Amino acid sequence: MKRVFLIALLSIASFVAGATQQINDKVIFEGETWEITSFPLEYLQPEMKDAFTALLGERDFISTANYRGYIAYWYIKRGRLYLDRVEVPQSNGESKILSGKELKKVFRKYRSFGKIKAGWITGNIEVGYGIGQPDAANPHLPAFAKKEIWVLKKGKIVLRTTK
């Protein structure tokens, strides 16, 4: 029994020690660039998620720091979250940029005046700003000077709390 426990403990420790911090989505809020540590495009309904994955196409470069294979860029306007563009890193060091024209096919339901409202999100997203002190217990998590949880209802921020 002790041997099984020791093997399990070592397995967990090696997994945590080898974890790679993910590249976060970015959001412009009040003129500053914040990072979103929970990924809003992961909240898409299954049929939209499938269409979005198809739009991304073959991703020839996925790193341990970006298992999703893309970085989404967002902005806040009048308390609402909008998708600006999606960058898909390529193996040649370039990025394929997906913006309004390409994204409108997938997000037709959420487009308004040429903008994509994140109306599919009702729930919490975690955001951070600035550089803070790393947590020794969780070195693979980002260290921010300021952390907040934004509560969204159909893409509109209804509550901001400091974490």
Protein backbone atom coordinates (compact mmCIF):
# COMPACT_ATOMS: atom_id res chain seq x y z
CA MET A 1 0.00 0.00 0.00
CA LYS A 2 2.82 2.40 0.86
CA ARG A 3 4.43 1.66 -2.48
CA VAL A 4 1.24 2.52 -4.43
CA PHE A 5 0.87 5.74 -2.44
CA LEU A 6 4.50 6.71 -3.11
CA ILE A 7 4.14 6.05 -6.86
CA ALA A 8 0.94 8.11 -6.99
CA LEU A 9 2.56 10.94 -5.04
CA LEU A 10 5.62 10.99 -7.32
CA SER A 11 3.42 10.94 -10.41
CA ILE A 12 1.42 13.93 -9.21
CA ALA A 13 4.56 15.82 -8.19
CA SER A 14 6.22 15.26 -11.55
CA PHE A 15 3.07 16.36 -13.39
CA VAL A 16 2.80 19.61 -11.39
CA ALA A 17 6.52 20.32 -11.67
CA GLY A 18 6.40 19.92 -15.44
CA ALA A 19 3.27 22.01 -16.01
CA THR A 20 3.70 24.85 -18.48
CA GLN A 21 2.01 28.19 -17.99
CA GLN A 22 -0.44 28.80 -20.83
CA ILE A 23 -0.37 31.88 -23.05
CA ASN A 24 -3.53 33.73 -22.11
CA ASP A 25 -6.06 35.52 -24.25
CA LYS A 26 -5.72 39.33 -24.11
CA VAL A 27 -8.40 41.94 -23.43
CA ILE A 28 -8.20 45.72 -23.65
CA PHE A 29 -10.02 47.20 -20.67
CA GLU A 30 -9.90 50.85 -19.62
CA GLY A 31 -6.94 51.43 -21.94
CA GLU A 32 -4.84 48.62 -20.43
CA THR A 33 -4.09 45.12 -21.69
CA TRP A 34 -5.34 42.48 -19.26
CA GLU A 35 -4.99 38.71 -19.61
CA ILE A 36 -7.91 36.30 -19.50
CA THR A 37 -6.91 33.13 -17.69
CA SER A 38 -10.18 31.37 -18.45
CA PHE A 39 -10.69 31.04 -22.18
CA PRO A 40 -14.00 32.53 -23.46
CA LEU A 41 -13.99 30.59 -26.74
CA GLU A 42 -14.09 27.37 -24.72
CA TYR A 43 -17.65 28.37 -23.69
CA LEU A 44 -19.00 28.09 -27.24
CA GLN A 45 -21.94 25.77 -27.87
CA PRO A 46 -20.84 22.49 -29.51
CA GLU A 47 -21.96 23.35 -33.07
CA MET A 48 -20.23 26.75 -32.91
CA LYS A 49 -17.14 25.21 -31.35
CA ASP A 50 -16.97 22.72 -34.23
CA ALA A 51 -17.30 25.55 -36.77
CA PHE A 52 -14.61 27.56 -34.96
CA THR A 53 -12.25 24.56 -34.91
CA ALA A 54 -12.83 24.10 -38.65
CA LEU A 55 -12.07 27.80 -39.21
CA LEU A 56 -8.78 27.45 -37.35
CA GLY A 57 -7.86 24.74 -39.84
CA GLU A 58 -4.79 22.58 -39.61
CA ARG A 59 -2.66 23.94 -36.82
CA ASP A 60 0.89 23.01 -37.68
CA PHE A 61 2.31 24.56 -34.54
CA ILE A 62 0.90 23.84 -31.09
CA SER A 63 3.22 24.29 -28.12
CA THR A 64 2.91 23.20 -24.52
CA ALA A 65 2.40 26.89 -23.68
CA ASN A 66 -0.57 27.10 -26.07
CA TYR A 67 -2.36 23.77 -26.23
CA ARG A 68 -5.40 25.46 -27.84
CA GLY A 69 -3.30 26.54 -30.81
CA TYR A 70 -4.59 30.14 -30.87
CA ILE A 71 -4.67 33.39 -28.91
CA ALA A 72 -7.88 35.43 -28.90
CA TYR A 73 -7.87 39.21 -28.57
CA TRP A 74 -10.82 40.94 -26.96
CA TYR A 75 -11.95 44.40 -25.89
CA ILE A 76 -14.53 45.87 -23.56
CA LYS A 77 -16.88 48.57 -24.80
CA ARG A 78 -19.73 49.91 -22.67
CA GLY A 79 -19.33 47.00 -20.29
CA ARG A 80 -19.60 44.34 -23.00
CA LEU A 81 -16.96 41.84 -24.09
CA TYR A 82 -16.21 41.77 -27.83
CA LEU A 83 -14.00 39.45 -29.85
CA ASP A 84 -11.52 41.44 -31.95
CA ARG A 85 -9.38 38.79 -33.64
CA VAL A 86 -7.79 35.37 -33.25
CA GLU A 87 -4.13 34.69 -33.97
CA VAL A 88 -3.06 31.18 -34.92
CA PRO A 89 0.71 30.65 -34.56
CA GLN A 90 2.39 28.89 -37.49
CA SER A 91 5.54 26.75 -37.53
CA ASN A 92 7.40 29.39 -39.59
CA GLY A 93 7.10 31.92 -36.74
CA GLU A 94 4.30 33.87 -38.42
CA SER A 95 0.69 33.99 -37.25
CA LYS A 96 -2.47 33.51 -39.27
CA ILE A 97 -4.87 36.31 -38.28
CA LEU A 98 -8.59 35.61 -38.24
CA SER A 99 -10.63 38.81 -38.00
CA GLY A 100 -14.07 40.15 -38.90
CA LYS A 101 -14.39 38.68 -42.38
CA GLU A 102 -13.32 35.15 -41.41
CA LEU A 103 -14.98 35.15 -37.99
CA LYS A 104 -18.37 36.44 -39.14
CA LYS A 105 -19.29 33.03 -40.58
CA VAL A 106 -18.92 31.32 -37.20
CA PHE A 107 -20.25 34.14 -35.02
CA ARG A 108 -23.13 35.35 -37.22
CA LYS A 109 -25.56 34.87 -34.33
CA TYR A 110 -23.54 37.27 -32.12
CA ARG A 111 -22.66 39.96 -34.66
CA SER A 112 -24.00 43.44 -34.22
CA PHE A 113 -22.94 46.40 -36.37
CA GLY A 114 -19.89 44.47 -37.56
CA LYS A 115 -18.74 43.57 -34.04
CA ILE A 116 -18.82 40.18 -32.32
CA LYS A 117 -20.41 40.36 -28.86
CA ALA A 118 -19.47 37.50 -26.55
CA GLY A 119 -23.17 36.85 -25.95
CA TRP A 120 -22.57 33.12 -25.51
CA ILE A 121 -20.90 33.74 -22.14
CA THR A 122 -22.95 33.74 -18.98
CA GLY A 123 -20.69 33.00 -16.07
CA ASN A 124 -17.33 33.95 -14.64
CA ILE A 125 -14.07 34.74 -16.36
CA GLU A 126 -10.82 35.34 -14.53
CA VAL A 127 -8.56 38.20 -15.59
CA GLY A 128 -5.23 39.58 -14.45
CA TYR A 129 -3.18 42.69 -14.98
CA GLY A 130 0.44 43.60 -14.38
CA ILE A 131 3.28 41.51 -13.02
CA GLY A 132 2.99 40.14 -9.50
CA GLN A 133 4.87 37.80 -7.22
CA PRO A 134 4.83 34.15 -8.34
CA ASP A 135 3.11 31.67 -6.06
CA ALA A 136 5.72 29.18 -4.88
CA ALA A 137 3.05 26.49 -4.49
CA ASN A 138 1.80 27.00 -8.08
CA PRO A 139 4.70 28.29 -10.20
CA HIS A 140 2.94 27.25 -13.42
CA LEU A 141 0.12 29.76 -12.81
CA PRO A 142 0.50 33.37 -13.98
CA ALA A 143 1.47 35.97 -11.38
CA PHE A 144 -0.50 39.19 -11.70
CA ALA A 145 -0.35 42.42 -9.68
CA LYS A 146 -4.15 42.59 -9.86
CA LYS A 147 -6.62 39.73 -10.32
CA GLU A 148 -10.35 40.02 -10.85
CA ILE A 149 -13.31 37.82 -11.59
CA TRP A 150 -15.76 39.28 -14.04
CA VAL A 151 -19.29 37.95 -13.90
CA LEU A 152 -20.86 38.12 -17.35
CA LYS A 153 -24.46 37.76 -18.40
CA LYS A 154 -24.76 37.23 -22.15
CA GLY A 155 -21.38 38.91 -22.63
CA LYS A 156 -22.07 41.96 -20.43
CA ILE A 157 -20.03 42.51 -17.26
CA VAL A 158 -22.53 42.67 -14.41
CA LEU A 159 -20.06 42.36 -11.53
CA ARG A 160 -16.31 42.74 -10.99
CA THR A 161 -14.69 41.33 -7.88
CA THR A 162 -11.06 41.40 -6.78
CA LYS A 163 -9.58 37.98 -6.30
